[in-house]
């Protein structure tokens, strides 16, 4: 949720100038992909004609990361595990030169562990199903969990991403 506004803007403008494009770009999808529509729309890409975000949030503090001012630990751990850890793990192992067959095996084991343990054995520290080696996800989780109030962290983050101040 850091680079999506600019990346989305760039992708929209790229699509608009392709030979197969009419120059009018629309986006659609839900959940995280709904988020990736709201963020570039705030930057008003010239060729964006329509967005259709579904089942997503427009406020990442209230009722996404926090519910009634309480950090949603299950969501805070399950969402990164389901959406980002596999990609981060894969990239990290590739950089280390791990053979693809071993990467596939490690990713499969991690995914199986998440599926088996996500609803039964979760909590902090973020280690029960292998999040400990994924430093970037843990850092984000701990930063979000450490900002329960709508403080300067959220005000700066949200104003850049949703227009909320």
N, C-alpha and C. Protein backbone atom coordinates (compact mmCIF):
# COMPACT_ATOMS: atom_id res chain seq x y z
N UNK A 1 0.82 -1.19 0.00
CA UNK A 1 0.00 0.00 0.00
C UNK A 1 0.86 1.25 0.00
N UNK A 2 2.08 1.11 -0.44
CA UNK A 2 3.00 2.24 -0.45
C UNK A 2 3.16 2.81 -1.86
N UNK A 3 3.33 1.95 -2.84
CA UNK A 3 3.63 2.41 -4.19
C UNK A 3 2.45 2.32 -5.15
N UNK A 4 1.30 1.83 -4.69
CA UNK A 4 0.20 1.54 -5.60
C UNK A 4 -0.35 2.77 -6.31
N UNK A 5 -0.36 3.91 -5.66
CA UNK A 5 -0.89 5.12 -6.31
C UNK A 5 -0.07 5.46 -7.56
N UNK A 6 1.24 5.58 -7.39
CA UNK A 6 2.07 5.94 -8.54
C UNK A 6 2.17 4.81 -9.56
N UNK A 7 2.30 3.56 -9.08
CA UNK A 7 2.34 2.43 -10.01
C UNK A 7 1.06 2.34 -10.83
N UNK A 8 -0.08 2.53 -10.17
CA UNK A 8 -1.36 2.49 -10.87
C UNK A 8 -1.49 3.60 -11.88
N UNK A 9 -1.07 4.79 -11.50
CA UNK A 9 -1.08 5.93 -12.43
C UNK A 9 -0.26 5.58 -13.67
N UNK A 10 0.95 5.09 -13.45
CA UNK A 10 1.84 4.75 -14.57
C UNK A 10 1.24 3.66 -15.45
N UNK A 11 0.62 2.64 -14.84
CA UNK A 11 0.02 1.55 -15.61
C UNK A 11 -1.16 2.05 -16.45
N UNK A 12 -1.97 2.92 -15.87
CA UNK A 12 -3.11 3.49 -16.61
C UNK A 12 -2.63 4.29 -17.80
N UNK A 13 -1.64 5.12 -17.58
CA UNK A 13 -1.13 5.96 -18.68
C UNK A 13 -0.42 5.11 -19.73
N UNK A 14 0.25 4.04 -19.31
CA UNK A 14 0.88 3.12 -20.26
C UNK A 14 -0.19 2.46 -21.13
N UNK A 15 -1.23 1.93 -20.48
CA UNK A 15 -2.29 1.24 -21.23
C UNK A 15 -2.98 2.17 -22.21
N UNK A 16 -3.12 3.42 -21.87
CA UNK A 16 -3.83 4.38 -22.72
C UNK A 16 -3.14 4.62 -24.05
N UNK A 17 -1.83 4.46 -24.11
CA UNK A 17 -1.10 4.77 -25.34
C UNK A 17 -0.72 3.54 -26.16
N UNK A 18 -1.20 2.37 -25.75
CA UNK A 18 -0.90 1.15 -26.50
C UNK A 18 -1.73 1.13 -27.79
N UNK A 19 -1.21 0.50 -28.84
CA UNK A 19 -1.93 0.47 -30.12
C UNK A 19 -3.32 -0.14 -30.04
N UNK A 20 -3.53 -1.04 -29.10
CA UNK A 20 -4.82 -1.70 -28.96
C UNK A 20 -5.80 -0.92 -28.09
N UNK A 21 -5.38 0.22 -27.57
CA UNK A 21 -6.19 0.99 -26.64
C UNK A 21 -6.95 2.12 -27.32
N UNK A 22 -8.13 2.40 -26.81
CA UNK A 22 -8.91 3.56 -27.28
C UNK A 22 -8.44 4.84 -26.63
N UNK A 23 -7.57 4.73 -25.63
CA UNK A 23 -7.11 5.89 -24.88
C UNK A 23 -7.94 6.14 -23.63
N UNK A 24 -9.02 5.40 -23.46
CA UNK A 24 -9.83 5.49 -22.25
C UNK A 24 -9.62 4.20 -21.45
N UNK A 25 -9.21 4.36 -20.20
CA UNK A 25 -8.88 3.20 -19.37
C UNK A 25 -9.86 3.11 -18.22
N UNK A 26 -10.34 1.88 -17.97
CA UNK A 26 -11.19 1.60 -16.83
C UNK A 26 -10.57 0.48 -16.01
N UNK A 27 -10.88 0.45 -14.73
CA UNK A 27 -10.36 -0.59 -13.85
C UNK A 27 -11.51 -1.23 -13.09
N UNK A 28 -11.33 -2.50 -12.74
CA UNK A 28 -12.33 -3.19 -11.93
C UNK A 28 -11.67 -4.33 -11.17
N UNK A 29 -12.15 -4.62 -10.01
CA UNK A 29 -11.80 -5.78 -9.20
C UNK A 29 -12.12 -5.47 -7.76
N UNK A 30 -11.80 -6.41 -6.87
CA UNK A 30 -12.17 -6.24 -5.49
C UNK A 30 -11.03 -6.49 -4.52
N UNK A 31 -11.33 -6.26 -3.26
CA UNK A 31 -10.43 -6.44 -2.15
C UNK A 31 -9.18 -5.58 -2.36
N UNK A 32 -8.00 -6.17 -2.28
CA UNK A 32 -6.77 -5.39 -2.47
C UNK A 32 -6.76 -4.72 -3.85
N UNK A 33 -7.29 -5.39 -4.87
CA UNK A 33 -7.31 -4.80 -6.21
C UNK A 33 -8.31 -3.65 -6.31
N UNK A 34 -9.23 -3.58 -5.37
CA UNK A 34 -10.07 -2.39 -5.26
C UNK A 34 -9.25 -1.22 -4.71
N UNK A 35 -8.42 -1.52 -3.72
CA UNK A 35 -7.51 -0.52 -3.17
C UNK A 35 -6.60 0.04 -4.26
N UNK A 36 -6.14 -0.84 -5.15
CA UNK A 36 -5.22 -0.38 -6.20
C UNK A 36 -5.93 0.47 -7.26
N UNK A 37 -7.24 0.58 -7.18
CA UNK A 37 -7.97 1.49 -8.06
C UNK A 37 -8.18 2.85 -7.40
N UNK A 38 -8.52 2.83 -6.11
CA UNK A 38 -8.74 4.10 -5.40
C UNK A 38 -7.47 4.96 -5.41
N UNK A 39 -6.34 4.32 -5.14
CA UNK A 39 -5.12 5.10 -4.97
C UNK A 39 -4.69 5.86 -6.22
N UNK A 40 -4.59 5.25 -7.40
CA UNK A 40 -4.21 6.06 -8.56
C UNK A 40 -5.30 7.05 -8.97
N UNK A 41 -6.55 6.74 -8.69
CA UNK A 41 -7.63 7.66 -9.06
C UNK A 41 -7.46 9.01 -8.37
N UNK A 42 -6.92 9.00 -7.15
CA UNK A 42 -6.69 10.25 -6.43
C UNK A 42 -5.70 11.14 -7.17
N UNK A 43 -4.77 10.52 -7.89
CA UNK A 43 -3.77 11.29 -8.66
C UNK A 43 -4.33 11.78 -9.99
N UNK A 44 -5.54 11.38 -10.34
CA UNK A 44 -6.26 11.80 -11.54
C UNK A 44 -5.47 11.57 -12.84
N UNK A 45 -5.17 10.32 -13.17
CA UNK A 45 -4.51 10.06 -14.45
C UNK A 45 -5.40 10.58 -15.59
N UNK A 46 -4.85 11.28 -16.54
CA UNK A 46 -5.66 11.88 -17.60
C UNK A 46 -6.49 10.90 -18.41
N UNK A 47 -6.03 9.65 -18.53
CA UNK A 47 -6.73 8.68 -19.37
C UNK A 47 -7.65 7.74 -18.58
N UNK A 48 -7.78 7.95 -17.28
CA UNK A 48 -8.66 7.12 -16.48
C UNK A 48 -10.10 7.56 -16.70
N UNK A 49 -10.91 6.67 -17.27
CA UNK A 49 -12.30 7.00 -17.59
C UNK A 49 -13.26 6.50 -16.53
N UNK A 50 -12.95 5.38 -15.88
CA UNK A 50 -13.87 4.81 -14.89
C UNK A 50 -13.13 3.85 -13.97
N UNK A 51 -13.63 3.75 -12.73
CA UNK A 51 -13.17 2.72 -11.81
C UNK A 51 -14.39 2.00 -11.26
N UNK A 52 -14.21 0.73 -10.92
CA UNK A 52 -15.30 -0.06 -10.34
C UNK A 52 -14.73 -0.93 -9.21
N UNK A 53 -14.28 -0.29 -8.09
CA UNK A 53 -13.75 -1.07 -6.98
C UNK A 53 -14.88 -1.79 -6.26
N UNK A 54 -14.62 -3.02 -5.85
CA UNK A 54 -15.63 -3.84 -5.20
C UNK A 54 -15.08 -4.44 -3.91
N UNK A 55 -15.90 -4.55 -2.92
CA UNK A 55 -15.56 -5.20 -1.66
C UNK A 55 -14.17 -4.75 -1.18
N UNK A 56 -14.02 -3.46 -0.97
CA UNK A 56 -12.73 -2.93 -0.55
C UNK A 56 -12.95 -1.78 0.42
N UNK A 57 -11.88 -1.30 0.98
CA UNK A 57 -11.96 -0.20 1.93
C UNK A 57 -11.47 1.09 1.29
N UNK A 58 -11.93 2.18 1.81
CA UNK A 58 -11.39 3.47 1.41
C UNK A 58 -10.62 4.10 2.57
N UNK A 59 -10.69 3.47 3.73
CA UNK A 59 -9.99 3.94 4.91
C UNK A 59 -9.22 2.75 5.48
N UNK A 60 -7.91 2.82 5.45
CA UNK A 60 -7.09 1.68 5.86
C UNK A 60 -6.86 1.62 7.36
N UNK A 61 -7.25 2.63 8.10
CA UNK A 61 -7.15 2.61 9.56
C UNK A 61 -8.42 2.02 10.15
N UNK A 62 -9.53 2.71 9.96
CA UNK A 62 -10.79 2.29 10.56
C UNK A 62 -11.43 1.16 9.76
N UNK A 63 -11.72 0.08 10.45
CA UNK A 63 -12.39 -1.09 9.88
C UNK A 63 -11.59 -1.79 8.79
N UNK A 64 -10.28 -1.60 8.82
CA UNK A 64 -9.39 -2.42 8.01
C UNK A 64 -8.29 -2.94 8.94
N UNK A 65 -7.49 -2.02 9.45
CA UNK A 65 -6.42 -2.38 10.36
C UNK A 65 -6.90 -2.38 11.81
N UNK A 66 -7.81 -1.48 12.12
CA UNK A 66 -8.38 -1.39 13.46
C UNK A 66 -9.90 -1.48 13.36
N UNK A 67 -10.50 -2.13 14.36
CA UNK A 67 -11.96 -2.21 14.46
C UNK A 67 -12.32 -1.70 15.85
N UNK A 68 -13.07 -0.61 15.89
CA UNK A 68 -13.43 0.01 17.17
C UNK A 68 -12.18 0.31 18.00
N UNK A 69 -11.15 0.82 17.35
CA UNK A 69 -9.88 1.24 17.96
C UNK A 69 -9.02 0.08 18.47
N UNK A 70 -9.34 -1.16 18.08
CA UNK A 70 -8.55 -2.32 18.48
C UNK A 70 -7.90 -2.92 17.23
N UNK A 71 -6.59 -3.14 17.31
CA UNK A 71 -5.88 -3.73 16.18
C UNK A 71 -6.48 -5.09 15.86
N UNK A 72 -6.79 -5.32 14.60
CA UNK A 72 -7.37 -6.59 14.16
C UNK A 72 -6.23 -7.55 13.87
N UNK A 73 -5.82 -8.28 14.91
CA UNK A 73 -4.66 -9.15 14.81
C UNK A 73 -4.85 -10.24 13.76
N UNK A 74 -6.03 -10.85 13.72
CA UNK A 74 -6.25 -11.90 12.73
C UNK A 74 -6.07 -11.33 11.32
N UNK A 75 -6.69 -10.21 11.04
CA UNK A 75 -6.56 -9.61 9.71
C UNK A 75 -5.12 -9.17 9.48
N UNK A 76 -4.50 -8.56 10.49
CA UNK A 76 -3.14 -8.07 10.35
C UNK A 76 -2.13 -9.16 10.05
N UNK A 77 -2.43 -10.38 10.46
CA UNK A 77 -1.53 -11.48 10.15
C UNK A 77 -1.99 -12.27 8.93
N UNK A 78 -3.28 -12.45 8.77
CA UNK A 78 -3.76 -13.29 7.67
C UNK A 78 -3.63 -12.60 6.32
N UNK A 79 -3.90 -11.32 6.28
CA UNK A 79 -3.87 -10.63 4.99
C UNK A 79 -2.47 -10.61 4.40
N UNK A 80 -1.44 -10.20 5.15
CA UNK A 80 -0.09 -10.29 4.56
C UNK A 80 0.30 -11.72 4.19
N UNK A 81 -0.04 -12.67 5.06
CA UNK A 81 0.32 -14.07 4.78
C UNK A 81 -0.34 -14.54 3.49
N UNK A 82 -1.58 -14.18 3.30
CA UNK A 82 -2.31 -14.64 2.12
C UNK A 82 -1.95 -13.86 0.86
N UNK A 83 -1.58 -12.60 1.01
CA UNK A 83 -1.41 -11.75 -0.16
C UNK A 83 0.03 -11.45 -0.55
N UNK A 84 0.94 -11.37 0.42
CA UNK A 84 2.25 -10.82 0.10
C UNK A 84 3.45 -11.68 0.47
N UNK A 85 3.29 -12.56 1.44
CA UNK A 85 4.45 -13.29 1.94
C UNK A 85 5.04 -14.21 0.87
N UNK A 86 4.19 -14.90 0.12
CA UNK A 86 4.72 -15.84 -0.88
C UNK A 86 5.59 -15.10 -1.90
N UNK A 87 5.14 -13.96 -2.36
CA UNK A 87 5.93 -13.18 -3.32
C UNK A 87 7.23 -12.69 -2.69
N UNK A 88 7.14 -12.17 -1.47
CA UNK A 88 8.33 -11.69 -0.78
C UNK A 88 9.31 -12.83 -0.52
N UNK A 89 8.78 -13.97 -0.10
CA UNK A 89 9.61 -15.14 0.16
C UNK A 89 10.29 -15.60 -1.13
N UNK A 90 9.54 -15.68 -2.19
CA UNK A 90 10.09 -16.13 -3.48
C UNK A 90 11.21 -15.21 -3.94
N UNK A 91 10.96 -13.92 -3.90
CA UNK A 91 12.00 -12.96 -4.33
C UNK A 91 13.25 -13.05 -3.48
N UNK A 92 13.06 -13.14 -2.16
CA UNK A 92 14.21 -13.24 -1.26
C UNK A 92 15.05 -14.48 -1.52
N UNK A 93 14.37 -15.60 -1.74
CA UNK A 93 15.10 -16.84 -2.02
C UNK A 93 15.78 -16.80 -3.38
N UNK A 94 15.15 -16.16 -4.36
CA UNK A 94 15.79 -16.02 -5.67
C UNK A 94 17.06 -15.19 -5.57
N UNK A 95 17.00 -14.11 -4.82
CA UNK A 95 18.18 -13.25 -4.63
C UNK A 95 19.31 -14.04 -3.97
N UNK A 96 18.96 -14.96 -3.08
CA UNK A 96 19.97 -15.79 -2.41
C UNK A 96 20.50 -16.90 -3.30
N UNK A 97 19.92 -17.06 -4.50
CA UNK A 97 20.39 -18.08 -5.43
C UNK A 97 19.86 -19.47 -5.16
N UNK A 98 18.77 -19.56 -4.41
CA UNK A 98 18.18 -20.87 -4.11
C UNK A 98 17.56 -21.42 -5.39
N UNK A 99 17.79 -22.70 -5.69
CA UNK A 99 17.21 -23.30 -6.90
C UNK A 99 15.68 -23.22 -6.89
N UNK A 100 15.09 -23.05 -8.07
CA UNK A 100 13.64 -22.87 -8.19
C UNK A 100 12.86 -24.04 -7.60
N UNK A 101 13.35 -25.26 -7.77
CA UNK A 101 12.65 -26.42 -7.21
C UNK A 101 12.58 -26.33 -5.68
N UNK A 102 13.65 -25.85 -5.04
CA UNK A 102 13.65 -25.69 -3.59
C UNK A 102 12.74 -24.54 -3.18
N UNK A 103 12.74 -23.46 -3.96
CA UNK A 103 11.83 -22.33 -3.68
C UNK A 103 10.39 -22.82 -3.73
N UNK A 104 10.06 -23.57 -4.77
CA UNK A 104 8.69 -24.08 -4.91
C UNK A 104 8.30 -24.93 -3.71
N UNK A 105 9.23 -25.75 -3.24
CA UNK A 105 8.97 -26.62 -2.09
C UNK A 105 8.76 -25.80 -0.82
N UNK A 106 9.61 -24.81 -0.59
CA UNK A 106 9.49 -23.96 0.60
C UNK A 106 8.20 -23.14 0.57
N UNK A 107 7.85 -22.61 -0.59
CA UNK A 107 6.61 -21.83 -0.72
C UNK A 107 5.40 -22.73 -0.48
N UNK A 108 5.43 -23.93 -1.03
CA UNK A 108 4.31 -24.87 -0.83
C UNK A 108 4.17 -25.21 0.65
N UNK A 109 5.28 -25.43 1.34
CA UNK A 109 5.24 -25.75 2.76
C UNK A 109 4.71 -24.58 3.57
N UNK A 110 5.15 -23.37 3.24
CA UNK A 110 4.65 -22.18 3.93
C UNK A 110 3.14 -22.03 3.71
N UNK A 111 2.71 -22.15 2.47
CA UNK A 111 1.29 -22.00 2.15
C UNK A 111 0.45 -23.05 2.88
N UNK A 112 0.93 -24.27 2.94
CA UNK A 112 0.21 -25.34 3.65
C UNK A 112 0.14 -25.03 5.14
N UNK A 113 1.21 -24.50 5.70
CA UNK A 113 1.23 -24.15 7.11
C UNK A 113 0.25 -23.01 7.40
N UNK A 114 0.21 -22.00 6.54
CA UNK A 114 -0.74 -20.91 6.71
C UNK A 114 -2.16 -21.45 6.68
N UNK A 115 -2.46 -22.30 5.71
CA UNK A 115 -3.80 -22.87 5.58
C UNK A 115 -4.17 -23.67 6.83
N UNK A 116 -3.24 -24.45 7.33
CA UNK A 116 -3.52 -25.31 8.48
C UNK A 116 -3.60 -24.54 9.80
N UNK A 117 -2.83 -23.46 9.93
CA UNK A 117 -2.70 -22.81 11.23
C UNK A 117 -3.33 -21.43 11.36
N UNK A 118 -3.72 -20.84 10.28
CA UNK A 118 -4.15 -19.44 10.31
C UNK A 118 -5.29 -19.20 11.29
N UNK A 119 -6.26 -20.06 11.34
CA UNK A 119 -7.41 -19.81 12.21
C UNK A 119 -7.28 -20.47 13.58
N UNK A 120 -6.18 -21.17 13.82
CA UNK A 120 -6.07 -21.88 15.09
C UNK A 120 -4.84 -21.51 15.92
N UNK A 121 -3.75 -21.09 15.29
CA UNK A 121 -2.49 -20.88 16.01
C UNK A 121 -1.82 -19.59 15.59
N UNK A 122 -2.48 -18.48 15.80
CA UNK A 122 -1.87 -17.22 15.39
C UNK A 122 -1.75 -16.28 16.56
N UNK A 123 -0.84 -15.33 16.43
CA UNK A 123 -0.62 -14.35 17.48
C UNK A 123 0.74 -13.71 17.31
N UNK A 124 1.09 -12.83 18.21
CA UNK A 124 2.40 -12.20 18.16
C UNK A 124 3.32 -12.92 19.13
N UNK A 125 4.61 -13.03 18.89
CA UNK A 125 5.29 -12.49 17.71
C UNK A 125 4.88 -13.23 16.43
N UNK A 126 5.10 -12.58 15.32
CA UNK A 126 4.63 -13.11 14.04
C UNK A 126 5.51 -14.24 13.56
N UNK A 127 5.45 -15.37 14.24
CA UNK A 127 6.30 -16.49 13.89
C UNK A 127 5.60 -17.81 13.67
N UNK A 128 4.37 -18.03 14.11
CA UNK A 128 3.82 -19.38 14.13
C UNK A 128 3.82 -20.10 12.79
N UNK A 129 3.68 -19.42 11.70
CA UNK A 129 3.71 -20.13 10.43
C UNK A 129 4.72 -19.53 9.49
N UNK A 130 5.86 -19.16 10.03
CA UNK A 130 7.00 -18.83 9.20
C UNK A 130 7.14 -17.38 8.80
N UNK A 131 6.51 -16.44 9.51
CA UNK A 131 6.67 -15.04 9.12
C UNK A 131 8.00 -14.46 9.61
N UNK A 132 8.63 -15.10 10.56
CA UNK A 132 9.86 -14.54 11.13
C UNK A 132 10.91 -14.20 10.07
N UNK A 133 11.17 -15.04 9.05
CA UNK A 133 12.20 -14.67 8.08
C UNK A 133 11.77 -13.58 7.11
N UNK A 134 10.50 -13.22 7.12
CA UNK A 134 10.02 -12.23 6.15
C UNK A 134 9.99 -10.88 6.85
N UNK A 135 11.15 -10.27 6.96
CA UNK A 135 11.34 -9.06 7.76
C UNK A 135 10.45 -7.91 7.29
N UNK A 136 10.32 -7.69 5.99
CA UNK A 136 9.56 -6.54 5.52
C UNK A 136 8.09 -6.62 5.93
N UNK A 137 7.49 -7.80 5.91
CA UNK A 137 6.10 -7.97 6.31
C UNK A 137 5.96 -7.78 7.82
N UNK A 138 6.90 -8.33 8.59
CA UNK A 138 6.85 -8.15 10.04
C UNK A 138 6.99 -6.69 10.41
N UNK A 139 7.86 -5.96 9.72
CA UNK A 139 8.06 -4.55 10.00
C UNK A 139 6.77 -3.78 9.76
N UNK A 140 6.10 -4.06 8.66
CA UNK A 140 4.83 -3.39 8.37
C UNK A 140 3.79 -3.74 9.42
N UNK A 141 3.67 -5.01 9.75
CA UNK A 141 2.70 -5.46 10.75
C UNK A 141 2.93 -4.74 12.08
N UNK A 142 4.17 -4.69 12.53
CA UNK A 142 4.47 -4.06 13.82
C UNK A 142 4.25 -2.55 13.76
N UNK A 143 4.51 -1.92 12.62
CA UNK A 143 4.26 -0.48 12.49
C UNK A 143 2.77 -0.19 12.54
N UNK A 144 1.98 -1.00 11.84
CA UNK A 144 0.53 -0.80 11.86
C UNK A 144 -0.04 -1.06 13.26
N UNK A 145 0.43 -2.11 13.90
CA UNK A 145 -0.06 -2.44 15.24
C UNK A 145 0.35 -1.39 16.26
N UNK A 146 1.42 -0.66 15.99
CA UNK A 146 1.91 0.35 16.91
C UNK A 146 1.30 1.72 16.72
N UNK A 147 0.30 1.84 15.88
CA UNK A 147 -0.33 3.13 15.60
C UNK A 147 -1.85 3.05 15.75
N UNK A 148 -2.33 2.82 16.98
CA UNK A 148 -3.77 2.64 17.15
C UNK A 148 -4.58 3.90 16.95
N UNK A 149 -4.01 5.04 17.27
CA UNK A 149 -4.75 6.30 17.11
C UNK A 149 -4.60 6.82 15.68
N UNK A 150 -5.53 7.63 15.29
CA UNK A 150 -5.42 8.26 13.97
C UNK A 150 -4.41 9.40 14.11
N UNK A 151 -3.12 9.02 14.18
CA UNK A 151 -2.04 9.95 14.47
C UNK A 151 -1.37 10.44 13.18
N UNK A 152 -0.23 11.09 13.33
CA UNK A 152 0.47 11.64 12.17
C UNK A 152 0.85 10.57 11.16
N UNK A 153 1.18 9.36 11.63
CA UNK A 153 1.49 8.26 10.71
C UNK A 153 0.32 8.02 9.77
N UNK A 154 -0.88 7.85 10.34
CA UNK A 154 -2.06 7.58 9.51
C UNK A 154 -2.47 8.79 8.69
N UNK A 155 -2.39 9.99 9.27
CA UNK A 155 -2.79 11.19 8.53
C UNK A 155 -1.94 11.36 7.28
N UNK A 156 -0.63 11.17 7.42
CA UNK A 156 0.26 11.28 6.26
C UNK A 156 0.03 10.17 5.27
N UNK A 157 -0.12 8.97 5.77
CA UNK A 157 -0.31 7.81 4.91
C UNK A 157 -1.63 7.88 4.17
N UNK A 158 -2.69 8.20 4.89
CA UNK A 158 -4.02 8.23 4.30
C UNK A 158 -4.17 9.40 3.33
N UNK A 159 -3.63 10.56 3.64
CA UNK A 159 -3.81 11.70 2.75
C UNK A 159 -3.14 11.46 1.41
N UNK A 160 -2.03 10.73 1.41
CA UNK A 160 -1.36 10.42 0.15
C UNK A 160 -2.09 9.34 -0.62
N UNK A 161 -2.86 8.52 0.06
CA UNK A 161 -3.45 7.35 -0.58
C UNK A 161 -4.95 7.44 -0.80
N UNK A 162 -5.65 8.21 0.04
CA UNK A 162 -7.11 8.22 -0.09
C UNK A 162 -7.69 9.62 -0.15
N UNK A 163 -6.87 10.63 0.02
CA UNK A 163 -7.38 11.98 0.04
C UNK A 163 -7.89 12.41 1.40
N UNK A 164 -7.95 11.47 2.38
CA UNK A 164 -8.41 11.80 3.73
C UNK A 164 -7.32 12.54 4.47
N UNK A 165 -7.68 13.56 5.21
CA UNK A 165 -6.70 14.32 6.01
C UNK A 165 -7.01 14.25 7.46
